[in-house]
């Protein structure tokens, strides 16, 4: 138990766990995932960058013990978003299946519904702009509480990455957040969510994972 992170929350809270797994067809990863689920008991689970699709994806999904599931297929051996939930506890209606996000309506039984967008953004700048435009359209046409979370493949500030300083991309992302009146929910724990490289000279790190919401979601879950 000590080897796995535990995220404290109120007993009445709806726990959501999201993880960029960088390939889901791995027995060791599935064992670790099942331990994390056992320890934290999330009601909703999102896996990103699963890298598999079709019958193989179906077999892996069957080993992840949630009663409800939906997904966006991987493209070749990259991408892929899977979303799981316990339908005995939460009602979920998928709304959008996009190559870079799944957007759903969610409600605990007996409570008001709201929205989640589970995001895995492309590294391609033009495709990322497409994602932001799609989410912006959704935001303008839906006024319920809305949480968007996942791997945005961009940082808000220069200190959130080392190596290449992508000031223009940071500014563009912050402008998009401000334009759509979205709130960064911040984080606790490690400063970076990605670390790659095999030596001090090649090591790069960044905080690419974000949780962002609109004001009505922030009020609903104060």
Protein backbone atom coordinates (compact mmCIF):
# COMPACT_ATOMS: atom_id res chain seq x y z
CA UNK A 1 0.00 0.00 0.00
CA UNK A 2 2.84 2.39 0.80
CA UNK A 3 4.13 2.18 -2.76
CA UNK A 4 1.08 3.79 -4.29
CA UNK A 5 -0.17 7.37 -3.98
CA UNK A 6 -3.32 7.98 -1.99
CA UNK A 7 -5.39 11.09 -2.71
CA UNK A 8 -7.44 12.06 0.32
CA UNK A 9 -10.93 13.41 -0.19
CA UNK A 10 -14.24 13.57 1.62
CA UNK A 11 -16.21 10.33 1.72
CA UNK A 12 -19.05 11.97 -0.25
CA UNK A 13 -16.72 13.23 -2.98
CA UNK A 14 -16.71 11.84 -6.51
CA UNK A 15 -13.17 10.65 -7.12
CA UNK A 16 -11.80 10.92 -10.65
CA UNK A 17 -8.43 9.50 -11.65
CA UNK A 18 -6.66 10.28 -14.92
CA UNK A 19 -3.36 8.79 -16.07
CA UNK A 20 -1.22 9.04 -19.21
CA UNK A 21 -0.14 5.40 -19.40
CA UNK A 22 1.93 5.59 -22.63
CA UNK A 23 0.69 2.17 -23.74
CA UNK A 24 -1.92 0.04 -21.99
CA UNK A 25 -1.02 -3.44 -23.29
CA UNK A 26 1.42 -4.16 -20.49
CA UNK A 27 0.69 -6.71 -17.72
CA UNK A 28 2.88 -4.87 -15.19
CA UNK A 29 1.02 -1.62 -15.86
CA UNK A 30 -2.36 -3.31 -15.46
CA UNK A 31 -1.28 -4.76 -12.12
CA UNK A 32 -0.19 -1.32 -10.96
CA UNK A 33 -3.42 0.23 -12.24
CA UNK A 34 -5.55 -2.29 -10.36
CA UNK A 35 -3.60 -1.51 -7.17
CA UNK A 36 -4.12 2.25 -7.64
CA UNK A 37 -7.84 1.69 -8.19
CA UNK A 38 -8.03 -0.53 -5.12
CA UNK A 39 -6.28 2.06 -2.92
CA UNK A 40 -8.08 5.19 -4.19
CA UNK A 41 -11.46 3.77 -5.26
CA UNK A 42 -12.14 6.24 -8.11
CA UNK A 43 -15.67 6.35 -9.51
CA UNK A 44 -14.36 7.57 -12.88
CA UNK A 45 -11.07 6.49 -14.47
CA UNK A 46 -9.45 7.99 -17.58
CA UNK A 47 -6.48 6.41 -19.36
CA UNK A 48 -4.73 8.40 -22.09
CA UNK A 49 -2.21 7.48 -24.78
CA UNK A 50 -3.24 3.83 -24.65
CA UNK A 51 -1.64 3.07 -28.07
CA UNK A 52 -3.97 0.14 -28.81
CA UNK A 53 -7.37 -0.31 -30.41
CA UNK A 54 -9.78 -2.93 -31.76
CA UNK A 55 -9.95 -6.41 -30.25
CA UNK A 56 -6.74 -5.94 -28.26
CA UNK A 57 -8.18 -2.82 -26.62
CA UNK A 58 -11.39 -4.69 -25.82
CA UNK A 59 -9.49 -7.51 -24.12
CA UNK A 60 -7.47 -5.07 -22.01
CA UNK A 61 -10.57 -3.05 -21.09
CA UNK A 62 -12.26 -6.24 -19.89
CA UNK A 63 -9.44 -6.65 -17.34
CA UNK A 64 -10.15 -3.19 -15.88
CA UNK A 65 -13.13 -3.85 -13.65
CA UNK A 66 -15.56 -0.99 -14.21
CA UNK A 67 -19.17 -1.53 -15.24
CA UNK A 68 -19.26 1.31 -17.81
CA UNK A 69 -16.72 2.27 -20.45
CA UNK A 70 -16.26 4.27 -23.64
CA UNK A 71 -13.18 5.17 -25.64
CA UNK A 72 -11.57 6.92 -28.58
CA UNK A 73 -9.56 4.48 -30.66
CA UNK A 74 -5.81 4.84 -30.94
CA UNK A 75 -4.43 6.01 -34.28
CA UNK A 76 -1.98 3.31 -35.31
CA UNK A 77 0.31 2.83 -32.32
CA UNK A 78 -0.27 6.26 -30.81
CA UNK A 79 -2.94 8.21 -28.96
CA UNK A 80 -6.17 6.67 -27.60
CA UNK A 81 -8.40 7.76 -24.68
CA UNK A 82 -10.36 5.33 -22.48
CA UNK A 83 -12.96 6.37 -19.91
CA UNK A 84 -14.44 4.02 -17.28
CA UNK A 85 -17.08 4.49 -14.59
CA UNK A 86 -19.29 2.65 -12.10
CA UNK A 87 -22.81 3.03 -13.47
CA UNK A 88 -24.25 1.88 -10.15
CA UNK A 89 -22.99 5.16 -8.65
CA UNK A 90 -22.82 7.70 -11.49
CA UNK A 91 -24.92 8.32 -14.58
CA UNK A 92 -22.73 9.09 -17.60
CA UNK A 93 -23.81 10.05 -21.11
CA UNK A 94 -21.07 10.41 -23.74
CA UNK A 95 -21.53 13.60 -25.77
CA UNK A 96 -18.42 13.97 -27.96
CA UNK A 97 -15.84 11.43 -29.14
CA UNK A 98 -13.02 13.50 -30.64
CA UNK A 99 -9.53 12.28 -31.49
CA UNK A 100 -8.20 14.53 -28.69
CA UNK A 101 -10.96 14.40 -26.09
CA UNK A 102 -13.98 12.57 -24.76
CA UNK A 103 -16.68 14.83 -23.36
CA UNK A 104 -19.43 13.39 -21.16
CA UNK A 105 -22.36 14.44 -19.01
CA UNK A 106 -21.99 13.06 -15.50
CA UNK A 107 -24.08 13.03 -12.33
CA UNK A 108 -24.01 11.11 -9.10
CA UNK A 109 -27.38 9.50 -8.63
CA UNK A 110 -29.82 12.04 -7.22
CA UNK A 111 -27.56 15.05 -7.96
CA UNK A 112 -27.39 17.69 -10.71
CA UNK A 113 -25.44 16.81 -13.87
CA UNK A 114 -22.26 18.51 -15.09
CA UNK A 115 -19.63 17.94 -17.78
CA UNK A 116 -16.15 16.42 -18.00
CA UNK A 117 -13.81 16.63 -20.98
CA UNK A 118 -10.97 14.11 -20.76
CA UNK A 119 -8.17 15.54 -22.91
CA UNK A 120 -5.08 14.19 -24.59
CA UNK A 121 -3.79 16.99 -26.82
CA UNK A 122 -1.73 16.43 -29.94
CA UNK A 123 1.88 17.57 -30.12
CA UNK A 124 1.04 19.08 -33.50
CA UNK A 125 0.32 22.80 -33.08
CA UNK A 126 -2.42 22.92 -35.71
CA UNK A 127 -4.22 19.91 -34.26
CA UNK A 128 -3.92 21.43 -30.79
CA UNK A 129 -5.58 24.60 -32.10
CA UNK A 130 -8.36 22.37 -33.44
CA UNK A 131 -8.82 20.89 -29.96
CA UNK A 132 -9.04 24.31 -28.32
CA UNK A 133 -11.54 25.47 -30.92
CA UNK A 134 -13.69 22.38 -30.36
CA UNK A 135 -13.65 22.85 -26.57
CA UNK A 136 -14.38 26.56 -26.99
CA UNK A 137 -17.47 25.80 -29.09
CA UNK A 138 -18.64 23.34 -26.45
CA UNK A 139 -18.07 25.91 -23.70
CA UNK A 140 -20.09 28.58 -25.51
CA UNK A 141 -23.04 26.28 -26.20
CA UNK A 142 -23.26 24.58 -22.80
CA UNK A 143 -23.70 26.47 -19.53
CA UNK A 144 -23.47 23.69 -16.95
CA UNK A 145 -20.49 23.21 -14.61
CA UNK A 146 -17.59 21.89 -16.68
CA UNK A 147 -14.26 20.27 -15.81
CA UNK A 148 -11.63 19.58 -18.46
CA UNK A 149 -8.62 17.54 -17.40
CA UNK A 150 -5.77 15.53 -18.83
CA UNK A 151 -2.55 15.97 -20.80
CA UNK A 152 -2.68 19.27 -22.69
CA UNK A 153 0.90 18.91 -24.03
CA UNK A 154 1.56 22.56 -23.22
CA UNK A 155 2.53 24.50 -20.10
CA UNK A 156 1.12 27.74 -18.75
CA UNK A 157 4.42 29.18 -17.53
CA UNK A 158 8.08 28.90 -18.52
CA UNK A 159 9.10 27.59 -15.10
CA UNK A 160 6.88 24.54 -15.68
CA UNK A 161 9.42 23.05 -18.10
CA UNK A 162 13.14 22.94 -18.69
CA UNK A 163 14.96 22.93 -22.00
CA UNK A 164 13.15 24.71 -24.83
CA UNK A 165 11.34 27.86 -23.65
CA UNK A 166 8.08 27.99 -25.57
CA UNK A 167 6.91 31.46 -24.55
CA UNK A 168 4.52 31.91 -27.47
CA UNK A 169 2.79 28.59 -26.74
CA UNK A 170 2.44 29.48 -23.06
CA UNK A 171 0.96 32.87 -23.98
CA UNK A 172 -1.44 31.28 -26.46
CA UNK A 173 -2.67 28.76 -23.89
CA UNK A 174 -3.15 31.43 -21.21
CA UNK A 175 -5.02 33.65 -23.69
CA UNK A 176 -7.33 30.74 -24.50
CA UNK A 177 -8.03 30.15 -20.79
CA UNK A 178 -8.73 33.84 -20.21
CA UNK A 179 -10.93 34.16 -23.29
CA UNK A 180 -13.11 31.28 -22.09
CA UNK A 181 -13.11 32.31 -18.40
CA UNK A 182 -11.50 29.03 -17.33
CA UNK A 183 -9.81 28.45 -13.98
CA UNK A 184 -6.63 26.44 -13.38
CA UNK A 185 -7.31 24.21 -10.35
CA UNK A 186 -3.59 24.04 -9.56
CA UNK A 187 -2.08 20.89 -8.05
CA UNK A 188 -0.25 19.33 -5.12
CA UNK A 189 2.69 16.97 -5.18
CA UNK A 190 5.51 16.85 -7.72
CA UNK A 191 6.10 19.96 -9.83
CA UNK A 192 6.35 18.01 -13.09
CA UNK A 193 4.17 15.31 -14.66
CA UNK A 194 6.56 14.30 -17.46
CA UNK A 195 10.21 13.33 -17.22
CA UNK A 196 12.18 11.92 -20.17
CA UNK A 197 15.86 11.37 -20.98
CA UNK A 198 18.52 8.94 -19.85
CA UNK A 199 21.13 11.37 -18.51
CA UNK A 200 21.48 14.75 -16.85
CA UNK A 201 22.36 16.26 -20.23
CA UNK A 202 19.29 14.89 -22.02
CA UNK A 203 16.78 15.08 -19.17
CA UNK A 204 13.66 17.11 -19.85
CA UNK A 205 10.65 17.63 -17.63
CA UNK A 206 7.39 19.56 -17.76
CA UNK A 207 3.98 19.93 -16.14
CA UNK A 208 1.78 18.91 -19.06
CA UNK A 209 -1.21 17.61 -17.08
CA UNK A 210 -3.84 20.13 -16.05
CA UNK A 211 -7.26 20.32 -14.44
CA UNK A 212 -9.27 23.33 -15.61
CA UNK A 213 -12.87 24.31 -14.93
CA UNK A 214 -15.43 27.05 -15.45
CA UNK A 215 -16.68 29.24 -12.61
CA UNK A 216 -19.91 27.31 -12.05
CA UNK A 217 -17.97 24.05 -11.57
CA UNK A 218 -15.64 25.83 -9.12
CA UNK A 219 -18.68 27.05 -7.17
CA UNK A 220 -20.36 23.65 -7.24
CA UNK A 221 -17.24 21.99 -5.81
CA UNK A 222 -15.93 24.75 -3.58
